[in-house]
Amino acid sequence: MTLTPKRIRYIDTAKGLCIFLVVLFHAQGLYGLRFWWDPIAVWLRMPLYYFLSGYFFKTYGSFHRFLLRKTDRLLIPFVFFYLTTSFLLPNFAYYCLGVTINTGHGWPLLWAFVWPEQFPNVPIWFLWSLFLANLLFFGLVSLTRKYTSALLPLWLITLIIGVVGWQMKTYDINLPAFIDTTFYYFPFFVFGFCCKEKDWLPSEKRPVTVPVVSYFGRYSIMILVSHNFVVQGLGKMVGHIAGISDNWRLVIVMLLTVPVYYLLIPLMRRLLPHVTAQKNVLS
C-alpha cells in the first residue's frame, strides 16, 4: 500500500531546510570548514527534525498497529540501508576490490551502530534514534493518560529525560545505540507533539512553499540515507579542480547536489519504494 498522507507544504519546506543543513554539515566536513552560522544550524538541524517528527506522532489505536507503522517508516529503511551501505558495501570493497572504507570492514560492522556508533553511512543513525524516540513516547503517552489527559505529567517526565540526556552530553557519557542522543533530543519531539495537540501551529490557508526545498523535504528520507556517499563522490570530483579555495569547492558540491537528487529521487521512488517509506511493507 502506498503511503499518501495529506501534505502540509510548509512542513515539507521545514523538512527541506533540515535536510539541506544536514547535507551542508557533512559537505563542510570534507574540507574542515566552519562558518558563523554553524551555531545557529546546530539548533535548527536535529532539533527541528525531532520537533516535526513529534508533530506527526500518532498512536494508531494500538501498540501493535503503531509498531508496524513505525517499522515501515523508520526501522525498515534503517535496516536496509545499514546492511547495504554500512555492512555489505564496505566488505565488498575491502575483500573484492582491496579498498578500505573509512570505518573498516568485517563482521564488527554488523553491530557497529550499537557500539562504537561509527559506521560508513553514519547519518542514518537518525532513523534508529527516531524509532527509539517513538517507542519511548508511546510508552509515556500510554502511562500518563491513564491518570490525566493534561500534558503536565508528560512534560515533567520529558524534562527528566531531557536533563539526563543533556548531562550525558555535557560530561561525555555515551550509551550504546544512540540512546543518550535520543534522550538529549527527546524534549523537541514532545514539544512538536504538544504543538499539534494544542493547535499552536498555523493552518495552511495559503501555499507556503519553496519549490526545490519543499520537494527535497518531501523526500528527505531518500536524501538522508544516501547523501553521505553523494557528497563524498562529488567532493572527490571537485577535488580535481585546481586553483580554487575550499570554500568554492563546498559551493560547487552543494550546487551539484541539487541536480543529482532530481535524478536520484525519481529513481529511488521507482526502485526502492518499500525501503524509503513510500510504500508499506507490514501495515
C-alpha atoms as a PDB file:
ATOM      1  CA  MET A   1       0.000   0.000   0.000  1.00  0.00           C
ATOM      2  CA  THR A   2       1.346   3.435  -0.919  1.00  0.00           C
ATOM      3  CA  LEU A   3       1.794   5.940   1.887  1.00  0.00           C
ATOM      4  CA  THR A   4      -0.156   9.010   0.833  1.00  0.00           C
ATOM      5  CA  PRO A   5      -0.622  11.322   3.831  1.00  0.00           C
ATOM      6  CA  LYS A   6      -2.044  14.788   3.287  1.00  0.00           C
ATOM      7  CA  ARG A   7       0.876  17.084   2.612  1.00  0.00           C
ATOM      8  CA  ILE A   8       1.357  20.278   4.610  1.00  0.00           C
ATOM      9  CA  ARG A   9       3.584  22.287   2.365  1.00  0.00           C
ATOM     10  CA  TYR A  10       5.270  24.489   4.928  1.00  0.00           C
ATOM     11  CA  ILE A  11       6.147  21.318   6.859  1.00  0.00           C
ATOM     12  CA  ASP A  12       7.810  19.951   3.719  1.00  0.00           C
ATOM     13  CA  THR A  13       9.680  23.244   3.427  1.00  0.00           C
ATOM     14  CA  ALA A  14      10.849  22.896   7.043  1.00  0.00           C
ATOM     15  CA  LYS A  15      11.990  19.317   6.371  1.00  0.00           C
ATOM     16  CA  GLY A  16      13.792  20.562   3.268  1.00  0.00           C
ATOM     17  CA  LEU A  17      15.627  23.150   5.355  1.00  0.00           C
ATOM     18  CA  CYS A  18      16.631  20.419   7.821  1.00  0.00           C
ATOM     19  CA  ILE A  19      17.999  18.073   5.189  1.00  0.00           C
ATOM     20  CA  PHE A  20      19.816  20.967   3.477  1.00  0.00           C
ATOM     21  CA  LEU A  21      21.577  21.773   6.760  1.00  0.00           C
ATOM     22  CA  VAL A  22      22.438  18.095   7.269  1.00  0.00           C
ATOM     23  CA  VAL A  23      23.960  17.828   3.782  1.00  0.00           C
ATOM     24  CA  LEU A  24      25.798  21.128   4.261  1.00  0.00           C
ATOM     25  CA  PHE A  25      27.222  19.919   7.591  1.00  0.00           C
ATOM     26  CA  HIS A  26      28.660  16.765   6.032  1.00  0.00           C
ATOM     27  CA  ALA A  27      29.893  18.655   2.960  1.00  0.00           C
ATOM     28  CA  GLN A  28      31.704  21.117   5.241  1.00  0.00           C
ATOM     29  CA  GLY A  29      33.309  18.145   6.946  1.00  0.00           C
ATOM     30  CA  LEU A  30      35.056  17.228   3.691  1.00  0.00           C
ATOM     31  CA  TYR A  31      37.137  20.390   3.988  1.00  0.00           C
ATOM     32  CA  GLY A  32      37.071  21.006   7.731  1.00  0.00           C
ATOM     33  CA  LEU A  33      35.251  24.307   7.206  1.00  0.00           C
ATOM     34  CA  ARG A  34      33.377  26.225   9.905  1.00  0.00           C
ATOM     35  CA  PHE A  35      31.230  29.332   9.398  1.00  0.00           C
ATOM     36  CA  TRP A  36      29.450  31.938  11.501  1.00  0.00           C
ATOM     37  CA  TRP A  37      26.080  30.230  11.012  1.00  0.00           C
ATOM     38  CA  ASP A  38      27.200  26.865  12.403  1.00  0.00           C
ATOM     39  CA  PRO A  39      25.930  27.519  15.985  1.00  0.00           C
ATOM     40  CA  ILE A  40      22.534  28.503  14.544  1.00  0.00           C
ATOM     41  CA  ALA A  41      22.460  25.444  12.274  1.00  0.00           C
ATOM     42  CA  VAL A  42      23.183  23.160  15.233  1.00  0.00           C
ATOM     43  CA  TRP A  43      19.991  24.369  16.933  1.00  0.00           C
ATOM     44  CA  LEU A  44      17.949  24.061  13.751  1.00  0.00           C
ATOM     45  CA  ARG A  45      19.182  20.866  12.163  1.00  0.00           C
ATOM     46  CA  MET A  46      18.343  17.987  14.523  1.00  0.00           C
ATOM     47  CA  PRO A  47      16.001  19.764  16.984  1.00  0.00           C
ATOM     48  CA  LEU A  48      13.684  20.817  14.160  1.00  0.00           C
ATOM     49  CA  TYR A  49      13.705  17.302  12.704  1.00  0.00           C
ATOM     50  CA  TYR A  50      12.653  15.827  16.060  1.00  0.00           C
ATOM     51  CA  PHE A  51      10.052  18.553  16.511  1.00  0.00           C
ATOM     52  CA  LEU A  52       8.469  17.796  13.134  1.00  0.00           C
ATOM     53  CA  SER A  53       8.504  14.073  13.863  1.00  0.00           C
ATOM     54  CA  GLY A  54       6.741  14.641  17.178  1.00  0.00           C
ATOM     55  CA  TYR A  55       4.204  16.878  15.469  1.00  0.00           C
ATOM     56  CA  PHE A  56       3.029  13.931  13.380  1.00  0.00           C
ATOM     57  CA  PHE A  57       3.049  11.373  16.177  1.00  0.00           C
ATOM     58  CA  LYS A  58       0.011   9.062  16.256  1.00  0.00           C
ATOM     59  CA  THR A  59      -0.787   6.011  18.366  1.00  0.00           C
ATOM     60  CA  TYR A  60      -2.830   4.356  15.568  1.00  0.00           C
ATOM     61  CA  GLY A  61      -5.186   2.912  18.163  1.00  0.00           C
ATOM     62  CA  SER A  62      -2.957   0.131  19.483  1.00  0.00           C
ATOM     63  CA  PHE A  63       0.696  -0.655  20.113  1.00  0.00           C
ATOM     64  CA  HIS A  64       0.610  -3.435  17.504  1.00  0.00           C
ATOM     65  CA  ARG A  65      -0.528  -1.077  14.720  1.00  0.00           C
ATOM     66  CA  PHE A  66       1.806   1.636  15.954  1.00  0.00           C
ATOM     67  CA  LEU A  67       4.801  -0.710  15.907  1.00  0.00           C
ATOM     68  CA  LEU A  68       4.010  -1.895  12.380  1.00  0.00           C
ATOM     69  CA  ARG A  69       3.725   1.698  11.133  1.00  0.00           C
ATOM     70  CA  LYS A  70       6.982   2.820  12.705  1.00  0.00           C
ATOM     71  CA  THR A  71       8.722  -0.307  11.474  1.00  0.00           C
ATOM     72  CA  ASP A  72       7.580   0.551   7.940  1.00  0.00           C
ATOM     73  CA  ARG A  73       8.530   4.199   8.156  1.00  0.00           C
ATOM     74  CA  LEU A  74      11.751   4.055  10.172  1.00  0.00           C
ATOM     75  CA  LEU A  75      13.108   0.627  11.066  1.00  0.00           C
ATOM     76  CA  ILE A  76      12.913  -0.997   7.621  1.00  0.00           C
ATOM     77  CA  PRO A  77      14.714   1.934   5.908  1.00  0.00           C
ATOM     78  CA  PHE A  78      17.340   1.921   8.657  1.00  0.00           C
ATOM     79  CA  VAL A  79      17.942  -1.853   8.495  1.00  0.00           C
ATOM     80  CA  PHE A  80      18.038  -1.941   4.690  1.00  0.00           C
ATOM     81  CA  PHE A  81      20.451   0.954   4.252  1.00  0.00           C
ATOM     82  CA  TYR A  82      22.544  -0.095   7.225  1.00  0.00           C
ATOM     83  CA  LEU A  83      23.046  -3.593   5.860  1.00  0.00           C
ATOM     84  CA  THR A  84      23.656  -2.455   2.276  1.00  0.00           C
ATOM     85  CA  THR A  85      25.715   0.709   2.759  1.00  0.00           C
ATOM     86  CA  SER A  86      27.418   0.073   6.099  1.00  0.00           C
ATOM     87  CA  PHE A  87      27.987  -3.679   6.030  1.00  0.00           C
ATOM     88  CA  LEU A  88      27.805  -5.231   2.545  1.00  0.00           C
ATOM     89  CA  LEU A  89      29.316  -2.328   0.614  1.00  0.00           C
ATOM     90  CA  PRO A  90      32.435  -1.802   2.768  1.00  0.00           C
ATOM     91  CA  ASN A  91      33.046  -5.557   2.976  1.00  0.00           C
ATOM     92  CA  PHE A  92      32.666  -5.950  -0.781  1.00  0.00           C
ATOM     93  CA  ALA A  93      35.025  -3.008  -1.319  1.00  0.00           C
ATOM     94  CA  TYR A  94      37.623  -4.497   1.008  1.00  0.00           C
ATOM     95  CA  TYR A  95      37.505  -8.197   0.147  1.00  0.00           C
ATOM     96  CA  CYS A  96      36.798  -7.866  -3.592  1.00  0.00           C
ATOM     97  CA  LEU A  97      38.408  -4.558  -4.543  1.00  0.00           C
ATOM     98  CA  GLY A  98      41.047  -4.137  -1.856  1.00  0.00           C
ATOM     99  CA  VAL A  99      39.633  -0.753  -0.825  1.00  0.00           C
ATOM    100  CA  THR A 100      39.065   0.188   2.816  1.00  0.00           C
ATOM    101  CA  ILE A 101      36.089   2.475   3.512  1.00  0.00           C
ATOM    102  CA  ASN A 102      36.783   4.774   6.485  1.00  0.00           C
ATOM    103  CA  THR A 103      35.366   2.772   9.437  1.00  0.00           C
ATOM    104  CA  GLY A 104      36.810  -0.605   8.495  1.00  0.00           C
ATOM    105  CA  HIS A 105      35.462  -3.976   7.437  1.00  0.00           C
ATOM    106  CA  GLY A 106      34.441  -7.410   8.684  1.00  0.00           C
ATOM    107  CA  TRP A 107      31.711  -8.732  10.990  1.00  0.00           C
ATOM    108  CA  PRO A 108      32.099  -5.955  13.612  1.00  0.00           C
ATOM    109  CA  LEU A 109      30.384  -3.598  11.175  1.00  0.00           C
ATOM    110  CA  LEU A 110      27.194  -5.613  11.656  1.00  0.00           C
ATOM    111  CA  TRP A 111      26.753  -4.230  15.183  1.00  0.00           C
ATOM    112  CA  ALA A 112      28.764  -1.019  14.850  1.00  0.00           C
ATOM    113  CA  PHE A 113      25.610   1.119  15.209  1.00  0.00           C
ATOM    114  CA  VAL A 114      25.303  -0.264  18.764  1.00  0.00           C
ATOM    115  CA  TRP A 115      28.980   0.216  19.599  1.00  0.00           C
ATOM    116  CA  PRO A 116      31.164   2.175  18.857  1.00  0.00           C
ATOM    117  CA  GLU A 117      28.417   4.016  16.878  1.00  0.00           C
ATOM    118  CA  GLN A 118      30.764   4.608  13.960  1.00  0.00           C
ATOM    119  CA  PHE A 119      29.936   3.144  10.541  1.00  0.00           C
ATOM    120  CA  PRO A 120      30.310   4.185   6.880  1.00  0.00           C
ATOM    121  CA  ASN A 121      26.801   5.625   6.397  1.00  0.00           C
ATOM    122  CA  VAL A 122      26.571   7.228   9.816  1.00  0.00           C
ATOM    123  CA  PRO A 123      23.803   9.796   9.018  1.00  0.00           C
ATOM    124  CA  ILE A 124      21.184   7.040   9.145  1.00  0.00           C
ATOM    125  CA  TRP A 125      21.600   6.964  12.938  1.00  0.00           C
ATOM    126  CA  PHE A 126      18.707   9.432  12.934  1.00  0.00           C
ATOM    127  CA  LEU A 127      16.238   6.797  11.693  1.00  0.00           C
ATOM    128  CA  TRP A 128      17.198   4.451  14.507  1.00  0.00           C
ATOM    129  CA  SER A 129      17.114   7.216  17.120  1.00  0.00           C
ATOM    130  CA  LEU A 130      13.723   8.389  15.895  1.00  0.00           C
ATOM    131  CA  PHE A 131      12.407   4.837  16.127  1.00  0.00           C
ATOM    132  CA  LEU A 132      13.557   4.726  19.763  1.00  0.00           C
ATOM    133  CA  ALA A 133      12.017   8.150  20.439  1.00  0.00           C
ATOM    134  CA  ASN A 134       8.658   6.996  19.066  1.00  0.00           C
ATOM    135  CA  LEU A 135       8.676   3.859  21.218  1.00  0.00           C
ATOM    136  CA  LEU A 136       9.623   5.863  24.305  1.00  0.00           C
ATOM    137  CA  PHE A 137       6.934   8.452  23.653  1.00  0.00           C
ATOM    138  CA  PHE A 138       4.248   5.839  23.015  1.00  0.00           C
ATOM    139  CA  GLY A 139       5.043   4.374  26.418  1.00  0.00           C
ATOM    140  CA  LEU A 140       4.906   7.774  28.109  1.00  0.00           C
ATOM    141  CA  VAL A 141       1.612   8.726  26.453  1.00  0.00           C
ATOM    142  CA  SER A 142       0.085   5.398  27.444  1.00  0.00           C
ATOM    143  CA  LEU A 143       1.291   5.833  31.034  1.00  0.00           C
ATOM    144  CA  THR A 144       0.370   9.480  31.632  1.00  0.00           C
ATOM    145  CA  ARG A 145      -3.041   9.345  30.002  1.00  0.00           C
ATOM    146  CA  LYS A 146      -4.133   6.599  32.349  1.00  0.00           C
ATOM    147  CA  TYR A 147      -4.234   9.263  35.044  1.00  0.00           C
ATOM    148  CA  THR A 148      -4.916  12.536  33.247  1.00  0.00           C
ATOM    149  CA  SER A 149      -5.379  13.998  29.804  1.00  0.00           C
ATOM    150  CA  ALA A 150      -3.277  17.027  30.720  1.00  0.00           C
ATOM    151  CA  LEU A 151       0.201  17.472  29.287  1.00  0.00           C
ATOM    152  CA  LEU A 152       1.846  18.381  32.620  1.00  0.00           C
ATOM    153  CA  PRO A 153       2.814  14.822  33.707  1.00  0.00           C
ATOM    154  CA  LEU A 154       4.143  14.151  30.228  1.00  0.00           C
ATOM    155  CA  TRP A 155       6.291  17.269  30.351  1.00  0.00           C
ATOM    156  CA  LEU A 156       7.643  16.509  33.803  1.00  0.00           C
ATOM    157  CA  ILE A 157       8.874  13.081  32.726  1.00  0.00           C
ATOM    158  CA  THR A 158      10.169  14.551  29.479  1.00  0.00           C
ATOM    159  CA  LEU A 159      12.097  17.201  31.420  1.00  0.00           C
ATOM    160  CA  ILE A 160      13.797  14.487  33.457  1.00  0.00           C
ATOM    161  CA  ILE A 161      14.722  12.552  30.294  1.00  0.00           C
ATOM    162  CA  GLY A 162      15.998  15.725  28.624  1.00  0.00           C
ATOM    163  CA  VAL A 163      18.126  16.703  31.633  1.00  0.00           C
ATOM    164  CA  VAL A 164      19.617  13.202  31.761  1.00  0.00           C
ATOM    165  CA  GLY A 165      20.452  13.440  28.043  1.00  0.00           C
ATOM    166  CA  TRP A 166      21.930  16.926  28.475  1.00  0.00           C
ATOM    167  CA  GLN A 167      24.097  15.790  31.386  1.00  0.00           C
ATOM    168  CA  MET A 168      25.329  12.813  29.373  1.00  0.00           C
ATOM    169  CA  LYS A 169      26.273  15.121  26.517  1.00  0.00           C
ATOM    170  CA  THR A 170      27.908  17.627  28.879  1.00  0.00           C
ATOM    171  CA  TYR A 171      30.037  15.003  30.636  1.00  0.00           C
ATOM    172  CA  ASP A 172      30.608  12.884  27.531  1.00  0.00           C
ATOM    173  CA  ILE A 173      28.740   9.856  28.894  1.00  0.00           C
ATOM    174  CA  ASN A 174      27.955   7.649  25.941  1.00  0.00           C
ATOM    175  CA  LEU A 175      25.265   4.969  25.985  1.00  0.00           C
ATOM    176  CA  PRO A 176      25.186   2.349  23.204  1.00  0.00           C
ATOM    177  CA  ALA A 177      22.902   2.548  20.153  1.00  0.00           C
ATOM    178  CA  PHE A 178      22.455   6.348  20.376  1.00  0.00           C
ATOM    179  CA  ILE A 179      20.257   6.102  23.477  1.00  0.00           C
ATOM    180  CA  ASP A 180      21.913   9.158  25.069  1.00  0.00           C
ATOM    181  CA  THR A 181      21.424  11.159  21.863  1.00  0.00           C
ATOM    182  CA  THR A 182      17.765  10.149  21.764  1.00  0.00           C
ATOM    183  CA  PHE A 183      17.320  11.355  25.366  1.00  0.00           C
ATOM    184  CA  TYR A 184      19.032  14.648  24.513  1.00  0.00           C
ATOM    185  CA  TYR A 185      16.696  15.462  21.614  1.00  0.00           C
ATOM    186  CA  PHE A 186      13.567  13.892  23.090  1.00  0.00           C
ATOM    187  CA  PRO A 187      12.092  17.157  24.507  1.00  0.00           C
ATOM    188  CA  PHE A 188      11.962  18.595  20.984  1.00  0.00           C
ATOM    189  CA  PHE A 189       9.949  15.561  19.875  1.00  0.00           C
ATOM    190  CA  VAL A 190       7.499  16.052  22.747  1.00  0.00           C
ATOM    191  CA  PHE A 191       7.240  19.779  22.066  1.00  0.00           C
ATOM    192  CA  GLY A 192       6.233  19.020  18.485  1.00  0.00           C
ATOM    193  CA  PHE A 193       3.501  16.703  19.756  1.00  0.00           C
ATOM    194  CA  CYS A 194       2.250  19.367  22.177  1.00  0.00           C
ATOM    195  CA  CYS A 195       2.073  21.929  19.387  1.00  0.00           C
ATOM    196  CA  LYS A 196      -0.157  19.544  17.449  1.00  0.00           C
ATOM    197  CA  GLU A 197      -2.322  18.786  20.496  1.00  0.00           C
ATOM    198  CA  LYS A 198      -2.793  22.470  21.317  1.00  0.00           C
ATOM    199  CA  ASP A 199      -3.058  23.538  17.666  1.00  0.00           C
ATOM    200  CA  TRP A 200      -0.249  26.042  18.114  1.00  0.00           C
ATOM    201  CA  LEU A 201       0.981  25.892  14.523  1.00  0.00           C
ATOM    202  CA  PRO A 202      -0.883  27.871  11.871  1.00  0.00           C
ATOM    203  CA  SER A 203      -3.194  26.122   9.427  1.00  0.00           C
ATOM    204  CA  GLU A 204      -2.106  26.328   5.816  1.00  0.00           C
ATOM    205  CA  LYS A 205      -4.645  28.631   4.221  1.00  0.00           C
ATOM    206  CA  ARG A 206      -2.227  29.626   1.514  1.00  0.00           C
ATOM    207  CA  PRO A 207       0.533  27.568  -0.066  1.00  0.00           C
ATOM    208  CA  VAL A 208       3.786  28.268   1.787  1.00  0.00           C
ATOM    209  CA  THR A 209       6.464  26.604  -0.234  1.00  0.00           C
ATOM    210  CA  VAL A 210       9.889  26.992  -1.765  1.00  0.00           C
ATOM    211  CA  PRO A 211       9.690  24.524  -4.673  1.00  0.00           C
ATOM    212  CA  VAL A 212      13.154  22.934  -4.552  1.00  0.00           C
ATOM    213  CA  VAL A 213      13.344  22.963  -0.752  1.00  0.00           C
ATOM    214  CA  SER A 214       9.819  21.552  -0.364  1.00  0.00           C
ATOM    215  CA  TYR A 215      10.464  18.824  -2.926  1.00  0.00           C
ATOM    216  CA  PHE A 216      13.597  17.715  -1.129  1.00  0.00           C
ATOM    217  CA  GLY A 217      11.766  17.964   2.183  1.00  0.00           C
ATOM    218  CA  ARG A 218       9.022  15.660   0.968  1.00  0.00           C
ATOM    219  CA  TYR A 219      11.608  13.013   0.088  1.00  0.00           C
ATOM    220  CA  SER A 220      14.110  13.925   2.786  1.00  0.00           C
ATOM    221  CA  ILE A 221      14.477  10.306   3.909  1.00  0.00           C
ATOM    222  CA  MET A 222      15.936   9.435   0.493  1.00  0.00           C
ATOM    223  CA  ILE A 223      18.494  12.205   0.823  1.00  0.00           C
ATOM    224  CA  LEU A 224      19.258  11.264   4.419  1.00  0.00           C
ATOM    225  CA  VAL A 225      20.116   7.636   3.614  1.00  0.00           C
ATOM    226  CA  SER A 226      22.228   8.405   0.542  1.00  0.00           C
ATOM    227  CA  HIS A 227      23.746  11.888   0.772  1.00  0.00           C
ATOM    228  CA  ASN A 228      26.893  10.799   2.600  1.00  0.00           C
ATOM    229  CA  PHE A 229      28.087   8.895  -0.464  1.00  0.00           C
ATOM    230  CA  VAL A 230      26.807  11.509  -2.915  1.00  0.00           C
ATOM    231  CA  VAL A 231      28.651  14.300  -1.122  1.00  0.00           C
ATOM    232  CA  GLN A 232      31.851  12.275  -0.834  1.00  0.00           C
ATOM    233  CA  GLY A 233      31.707  11.329  -4.520  1.00  0.00           C
ATOM    234  CA  LEU A 234      31.117  14.918  -5.607  1.00  0.00           C
ATOM    235  CA  GLY A 235      33.877  16.047  -3.258  1.00  0.00           C
ATOM    236  CA  LYS A 236      36.357  13.756  -4.994  1.00  0.00           C
ATOM    237  CA  MET A 237      35.288  15.095  -8.406  1.00  0.00           C
ATOM    238  CA  VAL A 238      35.555  18.714  -7.332  1.00  0.00           C
ATOM    239  CA  GLY A 239      38.906  17.954  -5.719  1.00  0.00           C
ATOM    240  CA  HIS A 240      40.422  17.613  -9.188  1.00  0.00           C
ATOM    241  CA  ILE A 241      39.613  21.260  -9.975  1.00  0.00           C
ATOM    242  CA  ALA A 242      42.803  23.218  -9.469  1.00  0.00           C
ATOM    243  CA  GLY A 243      43.213  26.818  -8.385  1.00  0.00           C
ATOM    244  CA  ILE A 244      40.078  27.270  -6.248  1.00  0.00           C
ATOM    245  CA  SER A 245      39.644  27.540  -2.492  1.00  0.00           C
ATOM    246  CA  ASP A 246      37.894  25.004  -0.289  1.00  0.00           C
ATOM    247  CA  ASN A 247      35.050  27.489   0.180  1.00  0.00           C
ATOM    248  CA  TRP A 248      34.345  27.393  -3.548  1.00  0.00           C
ATOM    249  CA  ARG A 249      34.700  23.630  -3.606  1.00  0.00           C
ATOM    250  CA  LEU A 250      31.965  23.482  -0.972  1.00  0.00           C
ATOM    251  CA  VAL A 251      29.721  25.760  -3.014  1.00  0.00           C
ATOM    252  CA  ILE A 252      30.204  23.622  -6.120  1.00  0.00           C
ATOM    253  CA  VAL A 253      29.462  20.399  -4.225  1.00  0.00           C
ATOM    254  CA  MET A 254      26.241  21.851  -2.802  1.00  0.00           C
ATOM    255  CA  LEU A 255      25.128  23.173  -6.188  1.00  0.00           C
ATOM    256  CA  LEU A 256      25.814  19.826  -7.881  1.00  0.00           C
ATOM    257  CA  THR A 257      23.847  18.007  -5.193  1.00  0.00           C
ATOM    258  CA  VAL A 258      20.595  19.566  -6.439  1.00  0.00           C
ATOM    259  CA  PRO A 259      20.572  18.091  -9.976  1.00  0.00           C
ATOM    260  CA  VAL A 260      21.933  14.795  -8.652  1.00  0.00           C
ATOM    261  CA  TYR A 261      18.887  14.403  -6.426  1.00  0.00           C
ATOM    262  CA  TYR A 262      16.494  15.478  -9.142  1.00  0.00           C
ATOM    263  CA  LEU A 263      17.764  12.339 -10.865  1.00  0.00           C
ATOM    264  CA  LEU A 264      18.090  10.087  -7.811  1.00  0.00           C
ATOM    265  CA  ILE A 265      14.754  10.755  -6.118  1.00  0.00           C
ATOM    266  CA  PRO A 266      12.540   9.536  -9.002  1.00  0.00           C
ATOM    267  CA  LEU A 267      14.850   6.543  -9.398  1.00  0.00           C
ATOM    268  CA  MET A 268      14.622   5.640  -5.715  1.00  0.00           C
ATOM    269  CA  ARG A 269      10.842   6.127  -5.749  1.00  0.00           C
ATOM    270  CA  ARG A 270      10.578   3.668  -8.604  1.00  0.00           C
ATOM    271  CA  LEU A 271      13.102   1.047  -7.477  1.00  0.00           C
ATOM    272  CA  LEU A 272      13.112   1.328  -3.665  1.00  0.00           C
ATOM    273  CA  PRO A 273       9.649   2.438  -2.517  1.00  0.00           C
ATOM    274  CA  HIS A 274       9.360  -0.157   0.266  1.00  0.00           C
ATOM    275  CA  VAL A 275      12.636   0.811   1.936  1.00  0.00           C
ATOM    276  CA  THR A 276      12.263   4.597   1.603  1.00  0.00           C
ATOM    277  CA  ALA A 277       8.905   4.922   3.397  1.00  0.00           C
ATOM    278  CA  GLN A 278       6.950   5.354   0.171  1.00  0.00           C
ATOM    279  CA  LYS A 279       5.063   2.049   0.432  1.00  0.00           C
ATOM    280  CA  ASN A 280       4.096  -0.059   3.421  1.00  0.00           C
ATOM    281  CA  VAL A 281       5.564  -3.493   3.934  1.00  0.00           C
ATOM    282  CA  LEU A 282       3.846  -4.593   7.147  1.00  0.00           C
ATOM    283  CA  SER A 283       0.998  -2.199   7.857  1.00  0.00           C
END
